[in-house]
N, C-alpha and C. Protein backbone atom coordinates (compact mmCIF):
# COMPACT_ATOMS: atom_id res chain seq x y z
N MET A 1 14.50 -8.62 1.33
CA MET A 1 15.39 -9.24 0.37
C MET A 1 16.55 -8.28 0.12
N ALA A 2 17.74 -8.82 0.10
CA ALA A 2 18.94 -8.01 -0.11
C ALA A 2 18.96 -7.45 -1.53
N GLU A 3 19.59 -6.31 -1.64
CA GLU A 3 19.75 -5.67 -2.95
C GLU A 3 21.22 -5.33 -3.12
N TYR A 4 21.70 -5.46 -4.36
CA TYR A 4 23.12 -5.25 -4.63
C TYR A 4 23.28 -4.33 -5.83
N ARG A 5 24.43 -3.60 -5.86
CA ARG A 5 24.76 -2.69 -6.96
C ARG A 5 26.16 -3.04 -7.47
N ARG A 6 26.23 -3.30 -8.80
CA ARG A 6 27.54 -3.59 -9.40
C ARG A 6 28.26 -2.27 -9.66
N ARG A 7 29.48 -2.15 -9.20
CA ARG A 7 30.23 -0.90 -9.33
C ARG A 7 30.56 -0.56 -10.78
N SER A 8 30.82 -1.55 -11.60
CA SER A 8 31.29 -1.28 -12.97
C SER A 8 30.25 -0.58 -13.83
N ASP A 9 28.98 -0.89 -13.64
CA ASP A 9 27.96 -0.29 -14.50
C ASP A 9 26.71 0.19 -13.76
N GLY A 10 26.69 0.06 -12.43
CA GLY A 10 25.55 0.53 -11.65
C GLY A 10 24.33 -0.39 -11.68
N LEU A 11 24.48 -1.60 -12.22
CA LEU A 11 23.36 -2.54 -12.30
C LEU A 11 22.85 -2.86 -10.89
N LEU A 12 21.54 -2.77 -10.71
CA LEU A 12 20.91 -3.12 -9.45
C LEU A 12 20.22 -4.47 -9.59
N VAL A 13 20.44 -5.35 -8.62
CA VAL A 13 19.78 -6.65 -8.61
C VAL A 13 19.21 -6.90 -7.22
N GLU A 14 18.12 -7.67 -7.19
CA GLU A 14 17.48 -8.01 -5.92
C GLU A 14 17.70 -9.48 -5.63
N GLY A 15 18.27 -9.75 -4.48
CA GLY A 15 18.41 -11.12 -4.03
C GLY A 15 19.64 -11.82 -4.56
N ASP A 16 20.01 -12.88 -3.84
CA ASP A 16 21.20 -13.65 -4.19
C ASP A 16 21.08 -14.31 -5.56
N HIS A 17 19.86 -14.76 -5.90
CA HIS A 17 19.67 -15.45 -7.18
C HIS A 17 19.99 -14.50 -8.34
N GLU A 18 19.46 -13.26 -8.30
CA GLU A 18 19.73 -12.30 -9.38
C GLU A 18 21.20 -11.89 -9.40
N LEU A 19 21.81 -11.81 -8.22
CA LEU A 19 23.23 -11.46 -8.13
C LEU A 19 24.07 -12.52 -8.85
N ARG A 20 23.77 -13.78 -8.56
CA ARG A 20 24.52 -14.87 -9.21
C ARG A 20 24.24 -14.91 -10.72
N ALA A 21 23.00 -14.65 -11.12
CA ALA A 21 22.65 -14.66 -12.54
C ALA A 21 23.35 -13.52 -13.29
N ALA A 22 23.56 -12.40 -12.62
CA ALA A 22 24.22 -11.25 -13.25
C ALA A 22 25.72 -11.45 -13.39
N SER A 23 26.24 -12.45 -12.69
CA SER A 23 27.68 -12.76 -12.76
C SER A 23 27.87 -14.24 -13.04
N PRO A 24 27.52 -14.69 -14.25
CA PRO A 24 27.51 -16.12 -14.53
C PRO A 24 28.89 -16.78 -14.47
N ASN A 25 29.96 -16.03 -14.61
CA ASN A 25 31.31 -16.61 -14.62
C ASN A 25 31.98 -16.54 -13.25
N VAL A 26 31.22 -16.20 -12.22
CA VAL A 26 31.78 -16.08 -10.87
C VAL A 26 31.17 -17.17 -10.00
N SER A 27 32.04 -17.80 -9.23
CA SER A 27 31.58 -18.81 -8.29
C SER A 27 31.48 -18.16 -6.91
N PHE A 28 30.25 -17.89 -6.48
CA PHE A 28 30.03 -17.24 -5.20
C PHE A 28 29.99 -18.27 -4.08
N PRO A 29 30.51 -17.93 -2.91
CA PRO A 29 30.33 -18.82 -1.76
C PRO A 29 28.87 -18.82 -1.33
N SER A 30 28.45 -19.85 -0.62
CA SER A 30 27.04 -19.94 -0.22
C SER A 30 26.68 -18.83 0.77
N ASP A 31 27.63 -18.44 1.61
CA ASP A 31 27.39 -17.39 2.59
C ASP A 31 28.05 -16.10 2.09
N LEU A 32 27.23 -15.20 1.55
CA LEU A 32 27.77 -13.96 1.00
C LEU A 32 28.09 -12.97 2.11
N LYS A 33 29.33 -12.58 2.17
CA LYS A 33 29.75 -11.56 3.14
C LYS A 33 30.06 -10.28 2.38
N GLU A 34 29.96 -9.16 3.09
CA GLU A 34 30.20 -7.87 2.44
C GLU A 34 31.63 -7.79 1.89
N SER A 35 32.59 -8.40 2.59
CA SER A 35 33.98 -8.37 2.12
C SER A 35 34.13 -9.13 0.79
N THR A 36 33.41 -10.25 0.65
CA THR A 36 33.43 -11.02 -0.59
C THR A 36 32.81 -10.21 -1.73
N LEU A 37 31.66 -9.63 -1.44
CA LEU A 37 30.99 -8.81 -2.46
C LEU A 37 31.88 -7.64 -2.88
N ASN A 38 32.54 -7.01 -1.92
CA ASN A 38 33.43 -5.89 -2.20
C ASN A 38 34.56 -6.33 -3.14
N ALA A 39 35.14 -7.48 -2.87
CA ALA A 39 36.23 -7.98 -3.69
C ALA A 39 35.77 -8.31 -5.11
N LEU A 40 34.50 -8.66 -5.27
CA LEU A 40 33.95 -9.00 -6.57
C LEU A 40 33.33 -7.80 -7.30
N GLY A 41 33.42 -6.62 -6.68
CA GLY A 41 32.94 -5.41 -7.35
C GLY A 41 31.46 -5.12 -7.14
N TRP A 42 30.88 -5.63 -6.06
CA TRP A 42 29.47 -5.40 -5.76
C TRP A 42 29.35 -4.69 -4.41
N ASP A 43 28.35 -3.85 -4.29
CA ASP A 43 28.05 -3.18 -3.03
C ASP A 43 26.66 -3.60 -2.57
N VAL A 44 26.50 -3.69 -1.26
CA VAL A 44 25.18 -3.95 -0.69
C VAL A 44 24.43 -2.63 -0.66
N VAL A 45 23.18 -2.64 -1.07
CA VAL A 45 22.33 -1.46 -1.00
C VAL A 45 21.55 -1.54 0.31
N GLN A 46 21.72 -0.52 1.14
CA GLN A 46 21.06 -0.48 2.45
C GLN A 46 19.57 -0.18 2.26
N GLU A 47 18.74 -0.90 3.00
CA GLU A 47 17.31 -0.62 2.98
C GLU A 47 17.03 0.66 3.76
N THR A 48 16.14 1.47 3.25
CA THR A 48 15.72 2.67 3.96
C THR A 48 14.20 2.68 4.04
N PRO A 49 13.66 3.23 5.12
CA PRO A 49 12.20 3.27 5.23
C PRO A 49 11.60 4.18 4.16
N GLN A 50 10.43 3.79 3.68
CA GLN A 50 9.73 4.62 2.72
C GLN A 50 9.17 5.84 3.45
N PRO A 51 9.12 6.99 2.77
CA PRO A 51 8.55 8.17 3.41
C PRO A 51 7.05 8.00 3.66
N THR A 52 6.57 8.72 4.64
CA THR A 52 5.14 8.71 4.98
C THR A 52 4.39 9.55 3.97
N THR A 53 3.22 9.08 3.58
CA THR A 53 2.43 9.80 2.58
C THR A 53 1.00 10.01 3.07
N THR A 54 0.27 10.81 2.33
CA THR A 54 -1.15 10.99 2.56
C THR A 54 -1.89 10.10 1.56
N VAL A 55 -3.21 10.08 1.63
CA VAL A 55 -3.97 9.27 0.67
C VAL A 55 -3.84 9.83 -0.75
N TYR A 56 -3.36 11.05 -0.86
CA TYR A 56 -3.23 11.69 -2.18
C TYR A 56 -1.80 11.64 -2.71
N GLN A 57 -0.98 10.77 -2.14
CA GLN A 57 0.41 10.65 -2.57
C GLN A 57 0.77 9.18 -2.76
N GLN A 58 1.79 8.94 -3.58
CA GLN A 58 2.28 7.59 -3.83
C GLN A 58 3.80 7.62 -3.75
N VAL A 59 4.37 6.62 -3.07
CA VAL A 59 5.82 6.49 -2.98
C VAL A 59 6.31 5.69 -4.17
N VAL A 60 7.35 6.21 -4.83
CA VAL A 60 7.93 5.53 -5.99
C VAL A 60 9.42 5.38 -5.75
N ARG A 61 9.90 4.18 -5.97
CA ARG A 61 11.34 3.92 -5.83
C ARG A 61 12.07 4.66 -6.94
N ASN A 62 13.15 5.36 -6.57
CA ASN A 62 13.90 6.17 -7.53
C ASN A 62 15.38 5.83 -7.45
N GLY A 63 15.70 4.56 -7.63
CA GLY A 63 17.09 4.14 -7.66
C GLY A 63 17.76 4.15 -6.31
N VAL A 64 19.08 4.40 -6.33
CA VAL A 64 19.88 4.43 -5.12
C VAL A 64 20.74 5.68 -5.11
N VAL A 65 21.22 6.02 -3.92
CA VAL A 65 22.05 7.21 -3.76
C VAL A 65 23.11 6.89 -2.71
N LYS A 66 24.29 7.51 -2.85
CA LYS A 66 25.36 7.32 -1.87
C LYS A 66 25.16 8.30 -0.73
N ASP A 67 25.28 7.80 0.50
CA ASP A 67 25.14 8.70 1.64
C ASP A 67 26.50 9.28 2.02
N SER A 68 26.54 10.03 3.10
CA SER A 68 27.78 10.71 3.51
C SER A 68 28.89 9.73 3.91
N LEU A 69 28.51 8.50 4.26
CA LEU A 69 29.49 7.48 4.61
C LEU A 69 29.86 6.59 3.42
N LYS A 70 29.44 7.04 2.22
CA LYS A 70 29.72 6.35 0.95
C LYS A 70 29.08 4.96 0.87
N ARG A 71 27.91 4.81 1.52
CA ARG A 71 27.13 3.58 1.42
C ARG A 71 25.97 3.85 0.47
N TRP A 72 25.61 2.83 -0.29
CA TRP A 72 24.47 2.96 -1.20
C TRP A 72 23.18 2.71 -0.42
N LYS A 73 22.22 3.59 -0.62
CA LYS A 73 20.93 3.46 0.06
C LYS A 73 19.81 3.61 -0.96
N GLN A 74 18.67 2.96 -0.64
CA GLN A 74 17.50 3.10 -1.49
C GLN A 74 17.03 4.55 -1.46
N GLN A 75 16.52 5.02 -2.60
CA GLN A 75 16.01 6.38 -2.68
C GLN A 75 14.57 6.33 -3.17
N TYR A 76 13.73 7.17 -2.58
CA TYR A 76 12.32 7.23 -2.93
C TYR A 76 11.92 8.66 -3.26
N GLU A 77 10.87 8.78 -4.03
CA GLU A 77 10.27 10.10 -4.25
C GLU A 77 8.76 9.96 -4.08
N ILE A 78 8.14 11.08 -3.77
CA ILE A 78 6.69 11.08 -3.56
C ILE A 78 6.04 11.75 -4.76
N HIS A 79 5.06 11.05 -5.33
CA HIS A 79 4.29 11.60 -6.45
C HIS A 79 2.92 12.02 -5.93
N GLU A 80 2.52 13.21 -6.33
CA GLU A 80 1.19 13.70 -5.96
C GLU A 80 0.16 13.07 -6.90
N LEU A 81 -0.94 12.61 -6.34
CA LEU A 81 -2.02 12.01 -7.12
C LEU A 81 -3.15 13.01 -7.27
N ASN A 82 -4.01 12.78 -8.22
CA ASN A 82 -5.13 13.68 -8.46
C ASN A 82 -6.19 13.48 -7.37
N LYS A 83 -6.41 14.52 -6.57
CA LYS A 83 -7.33 14.45 -5.43
C LYS A 83 -8.74 14.05 -5.85
N GLU A 84 -9.24 14.63 -6.92
CA GLU A 84 -10.60 14.34 -7.37
C GLU A 84 -10.74 12.87 -7.79
N ASP A 85 -9.72 12.34 -8.48
CA ASP A 85 -9.76 10.94 -8.90
C ASP A 85 -9.76 10.00 -7.69
N ILE A 86 -8.90 10.29 -6.73
CA ILE A 86 -8.81 9.44 -5.53
C ILE A 86 -10.13 9.49 -4.77
N ASP A 87 -10.65 10.69 -4.56
CA ASP A 87 -11.92 10.82 -3.83
C ASP A 87 -13.06 10.09 -4.55
N ARG A 88 -13.08 10.18 -5.88
CA ARG A 88 -14.13 9.51 -6.65
C ARG A 88 -14.01 7.98 -6.50
N LEU A 89 -12.79 7.45 -6.59
CA LEU A 89 -12.59 6.00 -6.48
C LEU A 89 -12.91 5.49 -5.08
N VAL A 90 -12.42 6.19 -4.06
CA VAL A 90 -12.68 5.77 -2.67
C VAL A 90 -14.17 5.92 -2.37
N GLY A 91 -14.77 7.02 -2.82
CA GLY A 91 -16.20 7.23 -2.62
C GLY A 91 -17.04 6.13 -3.26
N SER A 92 -16.63 5.70 -4.45
CA SER A 92 -17.33 4.62 -5.13
C SER A 92 -17.24 3.32 -4.32
N ASP A 93 -16.05 3.04 -3.79
CA ASP A 93 -15.88 1.83 -2.97
C ASP A 93 -16.73 1.89 -1.70
N VAL A 94 -16.77 3.06 -1.07
CA VAL A 94 -17.57 3.22 0.15
C VAL A 94 -19.06 3.04 -0.18
N ARG A 95 -19.50 3.65 -1.27
CA ARG A 95 -20.91 3.50 -1.67
C ARG A 95 -21.24 2.04 -1.97
N ASP A 96 -20.33 1.33 -2.63
CA ASP A 96 -20.56 -0.09 -2.93
C ASP A 96 -20.72 -0.89 -1.64
N GLU A 97 -19.86 -0.62 -0.67
CA GLU A 97 -19.96 -1.33 0.62
C GLU A 97 -21.27 -0.97 1.32
N ARG A 98 -21.62 0.31 1.29
CA ARG A 98 -22.88 0.76 1.89
C ARG A 98 -24.07 0.07 1.22
N ASN A 99 -24.06 0.01 -0.11
CA ASN A 99 -25.16 -0.63 -0.84
C ASN A 99 -25.28 -2.10 -0.50
N GLU A 100 -24.15 -2.76 -0.31
CA GLU A 100 -24.18 -4.17 0.07
C GLU A 100 -24.81 -4.34 1.46
N LEU A 101 -24.47 -3.45 2.39
CA LEU A 101 -25.07 -3.52 3.73
C LEU A 101 -26.57 -3.24 3.67
N LEU A 102 -26.97 -2.34 2.80
CA LEU A 102 -28.41 -2.09 2.64
C LEU A 102 -29.11 -3.33 2.08
N LYS A 103 -28.50 -3.96 1.08
CA LYS A 103 -29.10 -5.18 0.50
C LYS A 103 -29.24 -6.27 1.56
N GLU A 104 -28.20 -6.41 2.39
CA GLU A 104 -28.23 -7.44 3.42
C GLU A 104 -29.33 -7.20 4.46
N SER A 105 -29.75 -5.97 4.58
CA SER A 105 -30.79 -5.67 5.58
C SER A 105 -32.15 -5.37 4.94
N ASP A 106 -32.28 -5.56 3.64
CA ASP A 106 -33.56 -5.32 2.96
C ASP A 106 -34.69 -6.16 3.58
N TRP A 107 -34.38 -7.35 3.99
CA TRP A 107 -35.40 -8.26 4.53
C TRP A 107 -36.12 -7.65 5.74
N THR A 108 -35.45 -6.74 6.44
CA THR A 108 -36.06 -6.16 7.65
C THR A 108 -37.19 -5.20 7.31
N GLN A 109 -37.28 -4.79 6.05
CA GLN A 109 -38.27 -3.79 5.67
C GLN A 109 -39.48 -4.39 4.94
N ASN A 110 -39.52 -5.70 4.83
CA ASN A 110 -40.68 -6.36 4.21
C ASN A 110 -41.92 -6.18 5.09
N ARG A 111 -43.05 -6.01 4.46
CA ARG A 111 -44.30 -5.79 5.21
C ARG A 111 -44.70 -6.99 6.04
N ASP A 112 -44.28 -8.17 5.62
CA ASP A 112 -44.70 -9.37 6.35
C ASP A 112 -43.71 -9.76 7.47
N VAL A 113 -42.71 -8.90 7.72
CA VAL A 113 -41.76 -9.15 8.80
C VAL A 113 -42.05 -8.20 9.95
N THR A 114 -42.21 -8.77 11.12
CA THR A 114 -42.42 -7.96 12.32
C THR A 114 -41.22 -8.15 13.23
N LEU A 115 -40.57 -7.04 13.54
CA LEU A 115 -39.37 -7.09 14.37
C LEU A 115 -39.59 -6.28 15.64
N SER A 116 -39.05 -6.77 16.74
CA SER A 116 -39.18 -6.01 18.00
C SER A 116 -38.30 -4.76 17.98
N ASN A 117 -37.29 -4.77 17.15
CA ASN A 117 -36.39 -3.61 17.05
C ASN A 117 -36.50 -2.94 15.67
N ASP A 118 -37.70 -2.86 15.16
CA ASP A 118 -37.94 -2.30 13.83
C ASP A 118 -37.41 -0.87 13.70
N ALA A 119 -37.59 -0.07 14.73
CA ALA A 119 -37.13 1.33 14.69
C ALA A 119 -35.60 1.38 14.59
N GLU A 120 -34.91 0.46 15.26
CA GLU A 120 -33.44 0.42 15.20
C GLU A 120 -32.98 0.09 13.79
N TRP A 121 -33.67 -0.85 13.14
CA TRP A 121 -33.31 -1.19 11.76
C TRP A 121 -33.54 -0.01 10.82
N ARG A 122 -34.65 0.71 11.00
CA ARG A 122 -34.92 1.87 10.15
C ARG A 122 -33.84 2.94 10.34
N THR A 123 -33.45 3.16 11.60
CA THR A 123 -32.39 4.14 11.88
C THR A 123 -31.06 3.70 11.28
N TYR A 124 -30.74 2.42 11.42
CA TYR A 124 -29.50 1.87 10.85
C TYR A 124 -29.46 2.10 9.34
N ARG A 125 -30.54 1.76 8.67
CA ARG A 125 -30.60 1.91 7.22
C ARG A 125 -30.55 3.38 6.80
N GLU A 126 -31.21 4.24 7.55
CA GLU A 126 -31.15 5.67 7.26
C GLU A 126 -29.72 6.19 7.42
N ASN A 127 -29.03 5.74 8.46
CA ASN A 127 -27.63 6.15 8.66
C ASN A 127 -26.73 5.65 7.53
N LEU A 128 -27.02 4.45 7.04
CA LEU A 128 -26.26 3.94 5.88
C LEU A 128 -26.48 4.84 4.66
N ARG A 129 -27.73 5.19 4.41
CA ARG A 129 -28.04 6.04 3.25
C ARG A 129 -27.40 7.42 3.38
N ASN A 130 -27.19 7.88 4.61
CA ASN A 130 -26.62 9.22 4.84
C ASN A 130 -25.09 9.24 4.86
N ILE A 131 -24.45 8.11 4.68
CA ILE A 131 -22.98 8.07 4.74
C ILE A 131 -22.34 9.08 3.79
N PRO A 132 -22.78 9.22 2.54
CA PRO A 132 -22.13 10.19 1.65
C PRO A 132 -22.24 11.64 2.12
N THR A 133 -23.11 11.93 3.06
CA THR A 133 -23.24 13.31 3.56
C THR A 133 -22.39 13.56 4.79
N GLN A 134 -21.68 12.54 5.28
CA GLN A 134 -20.81 12.73 6.45
C GLN A 134 -19.67 13.67 6.11
N SER A 135 -19.22 14.44 7.07
CA SER A 135 -18.15 15.42 6.82
C SER A 135 -16.82 14.77 6.44
N GLY A 136 -16.56 13.56 6.90
CA GLY A 136 -15.31 12.89 6.57
C GLY A 136 -15.33 12.04 5.32
N PHE A 137 -16.49 11.99 4.66
CA PHE A 137 -16.64 11.16 3.47
C PHE A 137 -15.69 11.64 2.38
N PRO A 138 -15.00 10.77 1.65
CA PRO A 138 -15.08 9.31 1.67
C PRO A 138 -14.00 8.62 2.50
N HIS A 139 -13.05 9.38 3.07
CA HIS A 139 -11.90 8.75 3.72
C HIS A 139 -12.10 8.43 5.19
N ASN A 140 -12.95 9.18 5.88
CA ASN A 140 -13.17 8.97 7.30
C ASN A 140 -14.66 8.76 7.54
N VAL A 141 -15.11 7.55 7.28
CA VAL A 141 -16.53 7.23 7.38
C VAL A 141 -16.80 6.59 8.74
N VAL A 142 -17.87 7.03 9.37
CA VAL A 142 -18.34 6.39 10.60
C VAL A 142 -19.49 5.47 10.21
N TRP A 143 -19.23 4.17 10.33
CA TRP A 143 -20.23 3.19 9.93
C TRP A 143 -21.19 2.96 11.09
N PRO A 144 -22.51 2.93 10.82
CA PRO A 144 -23.47 2.65 11.89
C PRO A 144 -23.36 1.20 12.34
N THR A 145 -23.74 0.99 13.57
CA THR A 145 -23.71 -0.36 14.14
C THR A 145 -25.00 -1.10 13.78
N ARG A 146 -24.84 -2.30 13.29
CA ARG A 146 -26.00 -3.11 12.91
C ARG A 146 -26.76 -3.53 14.18
N PRO A 147 -28.08 -3.40 14.17
CA PRO A 147 -28.86 -3.79 15.35
C PRO A 147 -28.75 -5.29 15.65
């Protein structure tokens, strides 16, 4: 979606609808060209890719900035997140998924069920229980294959 910046006060709007709403006394043509916007005191804000982050970082939009060619571009900043909080939340989600897989396979451990691959099921369930001890836990989990 296009973004525009009004030169007179720096107002940023997203999309043609907000642009028209911000200028109620202006009759815009249906096909907005940069030359028309320029004449009406608006600049197009160029889209820029968001920076790459780690699982412990968050990208936050931080307004716009003029580049060396005097074009307005989106600006971002990276916020560091609390590592312990992220690990705890992701770990909780992984454990929840693991617990659901264990519940789904509980039937294989009933005494009245005889399976030809009983040892495979026991190994699968043991590997599920051991997920929190994996070296990559909680972000790089190797999930066991269901028999």
